[in-house]
N, C-alpha and C. Protein backbone atom coordinates (compact mmCIF):
# COMPACT_ATOMS: atom_id res chain seq x y z
N MET A 1 0.91 -1.04 0.16
CA MET A 1 0.00 0.11 -0.28
C MET A 1 1.18 1.25 -0.04
N ALA A 2 1.75 1.32 0.82
CA ALA A 2 3.04 2.15 0.84
C ALA A 2 3.38 3.05 -0.47
N LYS A 3 3.84 1.62 -1.09
CA LYS A 3 4.49 1.58 -2.22
C LYS A 3 3.22 2.41 -3.47
N LEU A 4 2.40 2.10 -3.34
CA LEU A 4 0.99 2.81 -4.35
C LEU A 4 1.10 4.01 -4.05
N VAL A 5 0.50 4.13 -3.20
CA VAL A 5 0.81 5.93 -2.41
C VAL A 5 2.07 6.31 -2.65
N SER A 6 3.37 6.13 -1.80
CA SER A 6 4.12 7.17 -2.82
C SER A 6 4.26 7.65 -4.12
N LYS A 7 3.92 6.35 -4.93
CA LYS A 7 3.81 6.17 -6.86
C LYS A 7 3.20 7.13 -6.84
N VAL A 8 1.60 7.25 -6.58
CA VAL A 8 0.39 7.93 -7.12
C VAL A 8 1.08 9.31 -6.93
N TYR A 9 1.30 9.58 -5.78
CA TYR A 9 1.80 11.53 -4.78
C TYR A 9 2.78 11.77 -5.45
N GLY A 10 4.05 11.16 -5.69
CA GLY A 10 5.43 11.12 -6.33
C GLY A 10 4.96 11.68 -8.28
N ASP A 11 3.92 10.63 -8.47
CA ASP A 11 4.15 10.92 -10.15
C ASP A 11 3.34 12.36 -10.55
N ALA A 12 2.47 12.14 -9.17
CA ALA A 12 1.82 13.85 -9.46
C ALA A 12 2.64 14.91 -9.38
N LEU A 13 3.06 14.73 -8.44
CA LEU A 13 4.64 16.14 -8.54
C LEU A 13 5.55 16.18 -9.59
N PHE A 14 5.76 14.90 -10.21
CA PHE A 14 6.66 14.17 -10.93
C PHE A 14 6.00 15.53 -11.89
N GLU A 15 4.49 14.67 -12.78
CA GLU A 15 4.11 15.45 -13.40
C GLU A 15 3.52 16.93 -14.03
N GLU A 16 3.55 17.20 -12.50
CA GLU A 16 3.48 18.87 -12.36
C GLU A 16 4.76 19.89 -12.82
N ALA A 17 5.58 19.00 -12.05
CA ALA A 17 7.18 19.83 -11.72
C ALA A 17 7.21 19.93 -13.94
N LEU A 18 7.36 18.64 -13.91
CA LEU A 18 7.28 18.85 -15.97
C LEU A 18 6.41 19.69 -16.30
N ARG A 19 4.99 20.16 -16.01
CA ARG A 19 4.35 20.86 -16.89
C ARG A 19 4.53 22.32 -16.84
N LYS A 20 4.78 22.62 -15.43
CA LYS A 20 5.72 24.07 -15.15
C LYS A 20 7.05 24.08 -15.21
N GLN A 21 7.67 23.44 -16.45
CA GLN A 21 8.88 23.14 -16.20
C GLN A 21 9.92 23.56 -15.33
N GLU A 22 9.22 23.06 -14.30
CA GLU A 22 10.13 23.32 -13.01
C GLU A 22 11.02 21.83 -11.93
N VAL A 23 11.36 20.80 -12.76
CA VAL A 23 11.83 19.99 -12.35
C VAL A 23 12.81 20.28 -11.86
N GLU A 24 13.75 21.29 -12.05
CA GLU A 24 15.38 21.15 -10.90
C GLU A 24 15.01 21.47 -9.82
N ALA A 25 14.26 22.54 -9.95
CA ALA A 25 13.97 23.24 -8.70
C ALA A 25 13.35 22.54 -7.15
N LEU A 26 12.28 22.00 -8.08
CA LEU A 26 11.11 20.94 -6.94
C LEU A 26 12.39 19.59 -6.31
N PHE A 27 13.07 19.88 -7.68
CA PHE A 27 14.18 18.34 -6.92
C PHE A 27 15.19 18.80 -6.18
N GLU A 28 15.61 19.92 -5.85
CA GLU A 28 16.28 20.46 -5.13
C GLU A 28 15.55 21.23 -3.43
N GLU A 29 14.51 21.19 -3.91
CA GLU A 29 13.16 21.27 -2.68
C GLU A 29 13.24 20.43 -2.05
N VAL A 30 12.62 19.21 -2.91
CA VAL A 30 12.09 18.04 -2.07
C VAL A 30 13.26 16.83 -1.74
N ARG A 31 14.85 17.52 -2.15
CA ARG A 31 16.24 17.04 -1.94
C ARG A 31 15.65 17.61 0.09
N GLY A 32 15.88 18.81 0.14
CA GLY A 32 16.03 19.70 1.19
C GLY A 32 14.78 18.99 1.83
N LEU A 33 13.57 18.88 1.55
CA LEU A 33 12.44 18.32 2.34
C LEU A 33 13.07 16.88 2.96
N GLN A 34 13.79 15.87 2.01
CA GLN A 34 14.04 14.45 3.13
C GLN A 34 14.93 14.78 4.03
N VAL A 35 15.68 15.52 4.05
CA VAL A 35 16.55 16.02 4.44
C VAL A 35 16.26 16.49 6.22
N VAL A 36 15.00 17.71 6.51
CA VAL A 36 14.67 18.20 7.00
C VAL A 36 13.60 16.98 7.71
N TRP A 37 12.90 15.90 7.08
CA TRP A 37 12.38 15.43 7.53
C TRP A 37 13.00 14.25 8.21
N ARG A 38 14.58 13.75 7.40
CA ARG A 38 15.68 12.85 8.10
C ARG A 38 16.15 13.15 9.40
N GLU A 39 15.84 14.17 9.72
CA GLU A 39 16.91 15.06 10.67
C GLU A 39 15.96 15.21 12.02
N ASN A 40 14.60 14.93 11.56
CA ASN A 40 13.15 15.93 12.76
C ASN A 40 11.85 14.94 12.51
N GLN A 41 12.99 13.65 13.26
CA GLN A 41 11.77 12.89 13.86
C GLN A 41 10.65 13.03 14.45
N SER A 42 10.81 13.94 15.33
CA SER A 42 9.86 14.86 16.00
C SER A 42 8.81 15.21 15.13
N LEU A 43 9.18 15.58 14.24
CA LEU A 43 8.27 16.42 13.17
C LEU A 43 7.28 15.28 12.59
N ALA A 44 7.72 14.33 12.18
CA ALA A 44 6.71 13.29 11.49
C ALA A 44 6.13 12.73 12.76
N GLU A 45 6.71 12.42 13.83
CA GLU A 45 5.58 11.89 15.06
C GLU A 45 4.49 13.24 15.42
N LEU A 46 4.78 14.42 15.59
CA LEU A 46 3.76 15.10 16.20
C LEU A 46 2.61 14.80 15.01
N LEU A 47 3.11 15.07 13.05
CA LEU A 47 2.12 15.07 12.29
C LEU A 47 1.13 14.16 12.57
N ASP A 48 1.92 12.42 12.69
CA ASP A 48 1.35 11.72 12.75
C ASP A 48 0.28 11.11 13.81
N ASN A 49 0.46 12.47 15.54
CA ASN A 49 -0.18 11.79 15.81
C ASN A 49 -1.60 12.48 15.82
N PRO A 50 -2.45 11.30 16.29
CA PRO A 50 -3.85 11.06 15.91
C PRO A 50 -4.50 11.88 16.96
N LYS A 51 -4.22 12.43 17.74
CA LYS A 51 -4.96 13.59 18.77
C LYS A 51 -4.84 15.11 18.13
N ILE A 52 -4.04 15.40 16.97
CA ILE A 52 -3.79 16.57 16.67
C ILE A 52 -4.55 16.38 15.32
N VAL A 53 -5.81 17.64 15.38
CA VAL A 53 -6.93 17.94 14.20
C VAL A 53 -5.69 18.05 13.04
N LYS A 54 -6.66 18.08 11.80
CA LYS A 54 -5.71 17.98 10.52
C LYS A 54 -5.66 19.58 10.25
N GLU A 55 -6.10 20.54 11.17
CA GLU A 55 -6.01 21.87 10.71
C GLU A 55 -4.65 22.13 11.46
N GLU A 56 -4.72 21.97 12.35
CA GLU A 56 -3.68 22.27 13.57
C GLU A 56 -2.42 21.32 12.55
N LYS A 57 -2.61 20.30 11.75
CA LYS A 57 -0.91 19.75 11.40
C LYS A 57 -0.35 20.80 10.36
N ILE A 58 -1.56 21.74 9.43
CA ILE A 58 -1.65 22.09 8.62
C ILE A 58 -1.11 23.51 8.99
N GLY A 59 -1.38 23.87 9.97
CA GLY A 59 -0.73 25.28 10.31
C GLY A 59 0.33 24.78 10.87
N ILE A 60 1.07 23.42 11.18
CA ILE A 60 2.65 23.47 12.12
C ILE A 60 3.19 23.57 10.56
N ILE A 61 2.54 22.69 9.63
CA ILE A 61 3.26 22.71 7.96
C ILE A 61 3.63 23.80 7.53
N LYS A 62 2.88 25.06 7.83
CA LYS A 62 2.71 26.31 7.05
C LYS A 62 3.74 26.75 7.72
N ASN A 63 3.59 26.96 9.31
CA ASN A 63 4.57 27.82 10.05
C ASN A 63 5.71 27.23 9.84
N ILE A 64 5.96 25.99 9.09
CA ILE A 64 8.49 25.38 8.96
C ILE A 64 8.37 25.67 8.27
N PHE A 65 6.99 25.21 6.82
CA PHE A 65 8.16 25.51 5.49
C PHE A 65 7.07 26.89 4.70
N ASP A 66 6.08 27.68 5.11
CA ASP A 66 5.68 28.22 4.14
C ASP A 66 7.14 29.45 3.74
N GLY A 67 7.22 30.32 2.81
CA GLY A 67 8.28 31.42 2.42
C GLY A 67 9.65 30.30 2.18
N ARG A 68 9.64 29.05 3.07
CA ARG A 68 10.70 28.26 3.03
C ARG A 68 10.46 27.47 1.67
N VAL A 69 9.87 27.35 1.26
CA VAL A 69 9.44 26.49 0.30
C VAL A 69 8.39 27.10 -1.00
N SER A 70 8.71 26.49 -1.98
CA SER A 70 8.09 27.29 -3.32
C SER A 70 5.78 26.70 -2.95
N ASP A 71 5.45 27.90 -3.24
CA ASP A 71 3.92 27.78 -3.34
C ASP A 71 3.28 26.27 -3.98
N ASP A 72 4.34 25.89 -4.68
CA ASP A 72 3.92 24.30 -5.44
C ASP A 72 3.88 23.40 -4.36
N LEU A 73 5.50 23.22 -3.26
CA LEU A 73 5.39 21.92 -2.41
C LEU A 73 4.87 22.28 -1.76
N MET A 74 4.33 23.55 -0.98
CA MET A 74 3.64 24.46 0.31
C MET A 74 2.40 23.48 -0.17
N GLY A 75 1.70 23.38 -1.26
CA GLY A 75 0.09 22.86 -1.46
C GLY A 75 0.58 21.76 -1.23
N PHE A 76 1.11 21.14 -2.34
CA PHE A 76 1.22 20.26 -2.15
C PHE A 76 1.82 18.93 -0.83
N LEU A 77 2.53 19.85 -0.03
CA LEU A 77 2.19 19.18 1.61
C LEU A 77 0.97 19.71 2.46
N THR A 78 0.13 20.36 1.98
CA THR A 78 -0.79 20.27 2.15
C THR A 78 -2.03 19.66 1.87
N VAL A 79 -1.81 18.89 0.87
CA VAL A 79 -2.62 18.28 0.18
C VAL A 79 -2.50 16.86 1.15
N ILE A 80 -1.39 16.77 0.99
CA ILE A 80 -0.91 15.35 1.50
C ILE A 80 -1.47 14.71 3.33
N VAL A 81 -1.11 16.28 3.84
CA VAL A 81 -1.95 16.41 5.34
C VAL A 81 -3.02 16.08 5.04
N VAL A 82 -4.00 16.80 4.46
CA VAL A 82 -5.27 16.93 4.80
C VAL A 82 -5.71 15.47 4.02
N LYS A 83 -4.65 14.46 3.18
CA LYS A 83 -5.41 13.41 2.70
C LYS A 83 -5.20 12.34 3.82
N GLY A 84 -4.32 12.88 5.33
CA GLY A 84 -3.63 12.04 6.17
C GLY A 84 -2.81 10.70 5.59
N ARG A 85 -1.59 11.32 4.56
CA ARG A 85 -0.79 10.35 4.08
C ARG A 85 0.23 11.17 4.59
N GLN A 86 0.55 11.93 5.62
CA GLN A 86 1.84 12.12 5.91
C GLN A 86 2.74 11.50 6.30
N LYS A 87 2.13 10.48 7.29
CA LYS A 87 3.30 9.13 6.76
C LYS A 87 3.85 8.67 6.17
N GLU A 88 3.74 9.07 4.91
CA GLU A 88 4.33 8.62 3.69
C GLU A 88 5.07 9.71 2.84
N ILE A 89 5.25 10.85 3.30
CA ILE A 89 6.00 11.50 2.85
C ILE A 89 7.64 11.62 2.96
N PRO A 90 8.02 10.74 3.41
CA PRO A 90 9.83 9.97 2.72
C PRO A 90 9.34 9.23 1.75
N ALA A 91 8.58 8.11 1.57
CA ALA A 91 8.36 7.13 0.94
C ALA A 91 8.20 8.58 -0.89
N ILE A 92 6.81 9.45 -0.59
CA ILE A 92 7.29 10.27 -1.35
C ILE A 92 8.02 10.86 -1.89
N CYS A 93 9.00 11.58 -1.12
CA CYS A 93 9.83 12.09 -1.86
C CYS A 93 10.99 11.11 -1.96
N GLU A 94 11.14 10.28 -1.96
CA GLU A 94 12.11 8.62 -2.76
C GLU A 94 11.95 9.24 -4.23
N TYR A 95 10.71 8.54 -4.67
CA TYR A 95 9.75 8.20 -5.39
C TYR A 95 10.24 9.28 -6.01
N PHE A 96 10.25 10.52 -6.24
CA PHE A 96 9.77 11.62 -6.48
C PHE A 96 11.45 12.04 -7.30
N ILE A 97 11.96 11.60 -6.34
CA ILE A 97 13.85 11.76 -6.51
C ILE A 97 14.36 10.95 -7.20
N ASN A 98 13.68 9.83 -7.32
CA ASN A 98 14.02 8.63 -8.21
C ASN A 98 13.13 8.55 -9.82
N ALA A 99 12.39 9.53 -9.90
CA ALA A 99 11.58 9.57 -10.93
C ALA A 99 12.16 10.89 -11.78
N VAL A 100 12.79 11.76 -11.11
CA VAL A 100 12.89 12.86 -11.53
C VAL A 100 15.09 12.21 -11.89
N LYS A 101 15.60 11.54 -11.37
CA LYS A 101 16.99 11.09 -11.66
C LYS A 101 17.22 10.08 -12.83
N GLU A 102 15.83 9.46 -13.08
CA GLU A 102 15.07 8.44 -14.17
C GLU A 102 15.29 9.61 -15.40
N TYR A 103 14.50 10.67 -15.22
CA TYR A 103 14.24 11.63 -16.10
C TYR A 103 15.30 12.46 -16.57
N LYS A 104 16.40 12.51 -15.51
CA LYS A 104 17.23 13.27 -16.08
C LYS A 104 18.43 12.45 -16.86
N LYS A 105 18.18 11.08 -16.71
CA LYS A 105 19.26 9.88 -16.97
C LYS A 105 20.54 10.01 -16.08
N ILE A 106 20.11 10.05 -14.44
CA ILE A 106 21.36 9.72 -13.35
C ILE A 106 20.85 8.30 -12.82
N GLY A 107 21.75 7.48 -13.14
CA GLY A 107 21.67 5.62 -12.71
C GLY A 107 22.47 6.45 -11.19
N VAL A 108 21.91 5.45 -10.48
CA VAL A 108 22.43 5.17 -8.92
C VAL A 108 23.09 3.70 -8.79
N ALA A 109 24.32 3.65 -9.07
CA ALA A 109 25.59 2.45 -8.64
C ALA A 109 25.53 1.90 -7.01
N HIS A 110 25.07 0.75 -6.81
CA HIS A 110 25.96 0.41 -5.21
C HIS A 110 27.08 -0.57 -5.74
N VAL A 111 28.05 -0.58 -5.16
CA VAL A 111 29.24 -1.08 -5.77
C VAL A 111 29.87 -1.66 -4.25
N THR A 112 29.74 -2.83 -4.52
CA THR A 112 30.59 -3.51 -3.76
C THR A 112 31.77 -4.45 -3.91
N SER A 113 32.71 -3.96 -3.20
CA SER A 113 33.98 -4.65 -3.39
C SER A 113 35.01 -5.25 -1.88
N ALA A 114 35.47 -6.19 -2.66
CA ALA A 114 36.30 -6.96 -1.10
C ALA A 114 36.84 -5.76 0.05
N VAL A 115 37.93 -5.02 -0.98
CA VAL A 115 38.85 -3.87 -0.65
C VAL A 115 38.71 -2.30 -1.47
N GLU A 116 38.68 -1.13 -0.36
CA GLU A 116 38.22 -0.24 -1.25
C GLU A 116 39.21 0.00 -2.48
N LEU A 117 38.53 0.75 -3.35
CA LEU A 117 38.53 0.71 -4.89
C LEU A 117 39.12 2.19 -4.69
N ASN A 118 40.33 2.25 -5.52
CA ASN A 118 40.96 4.03 -5.76
C ASN A 118 40.23 4.78 -6.54
N GLU A 119 40.94 5.95 -6.73
CA GLU A 119 40.37 6.71 -7.72
C GLU A 119 40.44 6.16 -8.98
N GLY A 120 41.58 5.44 -9.91
CA GLY A 120 41.94 4.86 -11.24
C GLY A 120 40.44 3.97 -11.26
N GLN A 121 40.53 3.10 -9.62
CA GLN A 121 39.18 2.11 -10.74
C GLN A 121 38.18 2.70 -10.58
N LYS A 122 37.71 3.78 -9.55
CA LYS A 122 36.97 3.98 -9.57
C LYS A 122 36.19 4.83 -10.91
N ALA A 123 37.21 5.59 -11.45
CA ALA A 123 37.14 6.30 -12.73
C ALA A 123 36.55 5.39 -13.89
N ARG A 124 37.24 4.27 -14.40
CA ARG A 124 37.21 3.40 -14.55
C ARG A 124 36.01 2.40 -14.68
N LEU A 125 35.45 2.17 -13.68
CA LEU A 125 34.55 1.76 -13.37
C LEU A 125 33.28 2.31 -13.94
N LEU A 126 33.56 3.88 -13.64
CA LEU A 126 32.19 4.76 -14.17
C LEU A 126 32.03 5.02 -15.56
N GLU A 127 33.88 4.83 -16.05
CA GLU A 127 33.61 4.95 -17.71
C GLU A 127 33.07 4.04 -17.87
N LYS A 128 33.02 2.59 -17.86
CA LYS A 128 32.28 0.97 -18.17
C LYS A 128 30.76 1.36 -18.10
N LEU A 129 30.30 1.77 -16.94
CA LEU A 129 29.03 1.97 -16.49
C LEU A 129 28.35 2.99 -17.37
N LEU A 130 29.23 4.27 -17.51
CA LEU A 130 28.46 5.17 -18.70
C LEU A 130 27.92 4.31 -20.34
N ASP A 131 29.37 3.77 -20.74
CA ASP A 131 29.52 2.92 -21.77
C ASP A 131 28.48 1.89 -22.31
N THR A 132 28.22 1.33 -21.27
CA THR A 132 27.26 0.02 -21.16
C THR A 132 25.93 0.34 -20.69
N THR A 133 25.27 1.18 -20.48
CA THR A 133 23.91 1.99 -19.98
C THR A 133 22.95 2.85 -20.96
N ARG A 134 22.35 3.29 -20.27
CA ARG A 134 21.58 4.19 -21.21
C ARG A 134 21.77 5.59 -20.19
N TYR A 135 22.37 5.73 -18.83
CA TYR A 135 22.58 6.56 -18.02
C TYR A 135 23.63 7.65 -18.90
N VAL A 136 23.58 9.26 -18.24
CA VAL A 136 24.51 9.89 -18.82
C VAL A 136 25.55 9.89 -17.73
N ASP A 137 24.99 9.60 -16.34
CA ASP A 137 25.72 9.93 -15.36
C ASP A 137 25.74 8.96 -14.39
N PHE A 138 26.17 8.60 -13.07
CA PHE A 138 25.97 8.26 -12.36
C PHE A 138 26.03 8.83 -11.00
N GLU A 139 25.46 8.65 -9.51
CA GLU A 139 25.87 8.11 -8.40
C GLU A 139 26.16 7.34 -7.07
N MET A 140 27.60 7.58 -7.75
CA MET A 140 28.03 5.83 -6.96
C MET A 140 27.70 5.92 -5.36
N ASP A 141 27.81 4.38 -5.12
CA ASP A 141 27.51 4.12 -4.02
C ASP A 141 28.77 3.20 -3.68
N TYR A 142 29.67 3.80 -2.87
CA TYR A 142 30.41 2.43 -2.55
C TYR A 142 30.74 2.04 -1.62
N LYS A 143 30.88 0.86 -1.18
CA LYS A 143 31.04 -0.44 0.11
C LYS A 143 31.79 -1.41 -0.02
N VAL A 144 32.83 -1.47 1.30
CA VAL A 144 33.87 -2.54 1.14
C VAL A 144 32.90 -3.87 2.30
N ASP A 145 32.78 -4.96 1.90
CA ASP A 145 32.70 -6.25 1.84
C ASP A 145 33.36 -7.34 2.46
N PRO A 146 35.00 -7.23 2.44
CA PRO A 146 35.86 -8.41 2.46
C PRO A 146 35.13 -9.93 2.27
N SER A 147 33.97 -10.16 2.90
CA SER A 147 33.44 -11.40 2.86
C SER A 147 33.34 -11.59 1.43
N ILE A 148 33.28 -11.02 0.50
CA ILE A 148 33.06 -11.49 -1.08
C ILE A 148 34.30 -12.30 -1.57
N ILE A 149 35.37 -11.82 -0.62
CA ILE A 149 36.63 -12.24 -0.91
C ILE A 149 37.65 -11.43 -1.91
N GLY A 150 36.75 -11.14 -3.72
CA GLY A 150 37.70 -10.58 -4.57
C GLY A 150 36.24 -10.34 -5.64
N GLY A 151 36.25 -9.36 -6.42
CA GLY A 151 35.54 -9.19 -7.25
C GLY A 151 34.79 -8.08 -6.72
N MET A 152 33.43 -7.81 -7.35
CA MET A 152 32.61 -7.07 -7.11
C MET A 152 30.81 -7.14 -7.46
N VAL A 153 30.79 -6.71 -6.81
CA VAL A 153 28.69 -7.13 -7.00
C VAL A 153 28.43 -5.38 -7.15
N ILE A 154 27.57 -4.68 -8.45
CA ILE A 154 27.51 -3.86 -8.96
C ILE A 154 25.43 -3.67 -8.51
N ARG A 155 24.73 -2.98 -7.92
CA ARG A 155 23.39 -2.67 -8.56
C ARG A 155 23.32 -1.80 -8.53
N ILE A 156 22.25 -1.62 -9.95
CA ILE A 156 21.28 -0.85 -10.48
C ILE A 156 20.19 -0.84 -10.55
N GLY A 157 19.58 -0.24 -9.45
CA GLY A 157 18.30 -0.56 -9.72
C GLY A 157 17.60 -2.01 -9.09
N ASP A 158 17.32 -2.51 -9.80
CA ASP A 158 16.76 -3.82 -9.91
C ASP A 158 17.46 -5.36 -10.47
N ARG A 159 18.60 -4.20 -11.18
CA ARG A 159 19.76 -5.63 -11.99
C ARG A 159 20.98 -5.75 -10.81
N VAL A 160 21.60 -6.75 -10.84
CA VAL A 160 22.92 -7.12 -10.43
C VAL A 160 23.99 -7.76 -11.04
N VAL A 161 24.81 -7.38 -10.80
CA VAL A 161 26.23 -8.16 -11.89
C VAL A 161 27.33 -8.85 -10.92
N ASP A 162 27.20 -9.12 -10.16
CA ASP A 162 27.96 -10.37 -9.03
C ASP A 162 28.67 -10.97 -9.83
N SER A 163 30.08 -10.24 -10.04
CA SER A 163 31.58 -11.10 -10.37
C SER A 163 32.24 -11.52 -9.07
N SER A 164 31.65 -11.60 -7.98
CA SER A 164 32.69 -11.65 -6.54
C SER A 164 32.63 -13.22 -6.55
N ILE A 165 34.01 -13.42 -6.23
CA ILE A 165 35.15 -14.69 -5.70
C ILE A 165 33.73 -15.36 -4.90
N LYS A 166 33.34 -14.73 -3.72
CA LYS A 166 32.35 -15.27 -3.08
C LYS A 166 31.03 -16.62 -4.13
N THR A 167 30.44 -15.50 -5.09
CA THR A 167 29.58 -16.04 -5.51
C THR A 167 29.74 -17.29 -6.66
N GLN A 168 31.37 -17.21 -7.21
CA GLN A 168 31.89 -17.96 -7.82
C GLN A 168 31.99 -19.15 -7.02
N ILE A 169 33.23 -19.14 -5.94
CA ILE A 169 33.18 -20.59 -5.29
C ILE A 169 31.45 -21.16 -5.06
N TYR A 170 30.26 -20.31 -5.08
CA TYR A 170 29.09 -20.50 -4.62
C TYR A 170 28.62 -21.37 -5.77
N GLU A 171 28.80 -21.11 -6.70
CA GLU A 171 28.33 -21.46 -8.35
C GLU A 171 29.05 -22.72 -8.13
N LEU A 172 30.56 -22.79 -8.13
CA LEU A 172 31.24 -23.97 -8.23
C LEU A 172 30.67 -25.30 -7.64
N ARG A 173 30.45 -24.78 -6.68
CA ARG A 173 30.56 -25.84 -5.03
C ARG A 173 28.69 -26.45 -5.83
N ARG A 174 28.23 -25.38 -6.21
CA ARG A 174 26.75 -26.01 -6.95
C ARG A 174 26.95 -27.14 -7.31
N SER A 175 27.52 -26.80 -8.79
CA SER A 175 27.89 -27.61 -9.40
C SER A 175 28.72 -29.09 -9.18
N LEU A 176 29.47 -28.40 -8.81
CA LEU A 176 29.78 -30.60 -8.13
C LEU A 176 29.09 -31.13 -7.38
N LEU A 177 28.01 -30.30 -6.61
CA LEU A 177 27.03 -30.97 -5.91
C LEU A 177 26.16 -31.86 -6.68
N LYS A 178 25.62 -31.17 -7.78
CA LYS A 178 24.83 -32.02 -8.87
C LYS A 178 25.59 -33.02 -9.59
N LEU A 179 26.98 -32.82 -9.55
CA LEU A 179 27.53 -33.62 -10.25
C LEU A 179 27.60 -34.68 -9.67
N GLN A 180 27.40 -34.88 -8.50
CA GLN A 180 27.55 -36.08 -7.34
C GLN A 180 26.52 -36.21 -7.49
N LEU A 181 25.45 -35.82 -6.75
CA LEU A 181 24.24 -36.52 -7.60
C LEU A 181 24.02 -36.74 -8.62
N ALA A 182 24.23 -37.00 -9.44
CA ALA A 182 23.93 -37.31 -11.29
C ALA A 182 25.05 -38.84 -11.15
C-alpha cells in the first residue's frame, strides 16, 4: 500500500514539475525536504499524532515551510496532510527523486568490493558503466565487504552484476554437488 501511495503522489508531483518546467527546482526542494524529515523525527511523530486535528497539522506545516519552499511544494504538503498521508512523505520524496533521476538519466550504482577501490579504479568503473548503460551520469555508492573475497557486486536498480569470488565459489560448489548427485 505504501508503495502505491508514494507512486501516486510522487507521479503527481513529477507531472506537475514537468508541466511547469520546474523539475530542477522541485528536485532540489524535495531533496531538502527529505533531509528535514530525516533529521527531525519529532516532526513526523507530531504530524502523525491522531490527537492533533488536520487543521492544526496544516498550521504546523505552514509555520515550518511557508516562505521557505515554493507555493507548489507547500500546496503539495498541504494536500498530503489533508488526505492523511503525512506518514508517507519520506517515501513520496524518495519516489519523486528517483523519477527525476530517471528523467535526467542519472543512474544510481551500488558497488560492493572486497577492498577499497582507488580513484583510478572508480574512474574506470564509472566510464564502463556509462558506456554500457543508457545513463549519462551516475551517483556512485561504494561499500567494502571483505566477505566477498574478491571481485565486486554492482547493483543498479533491480539489476545485479555479481562477479565476486564468493559467488563464483558458491556456483562452483553447487555445480559439483549436482555432478555428485547425477
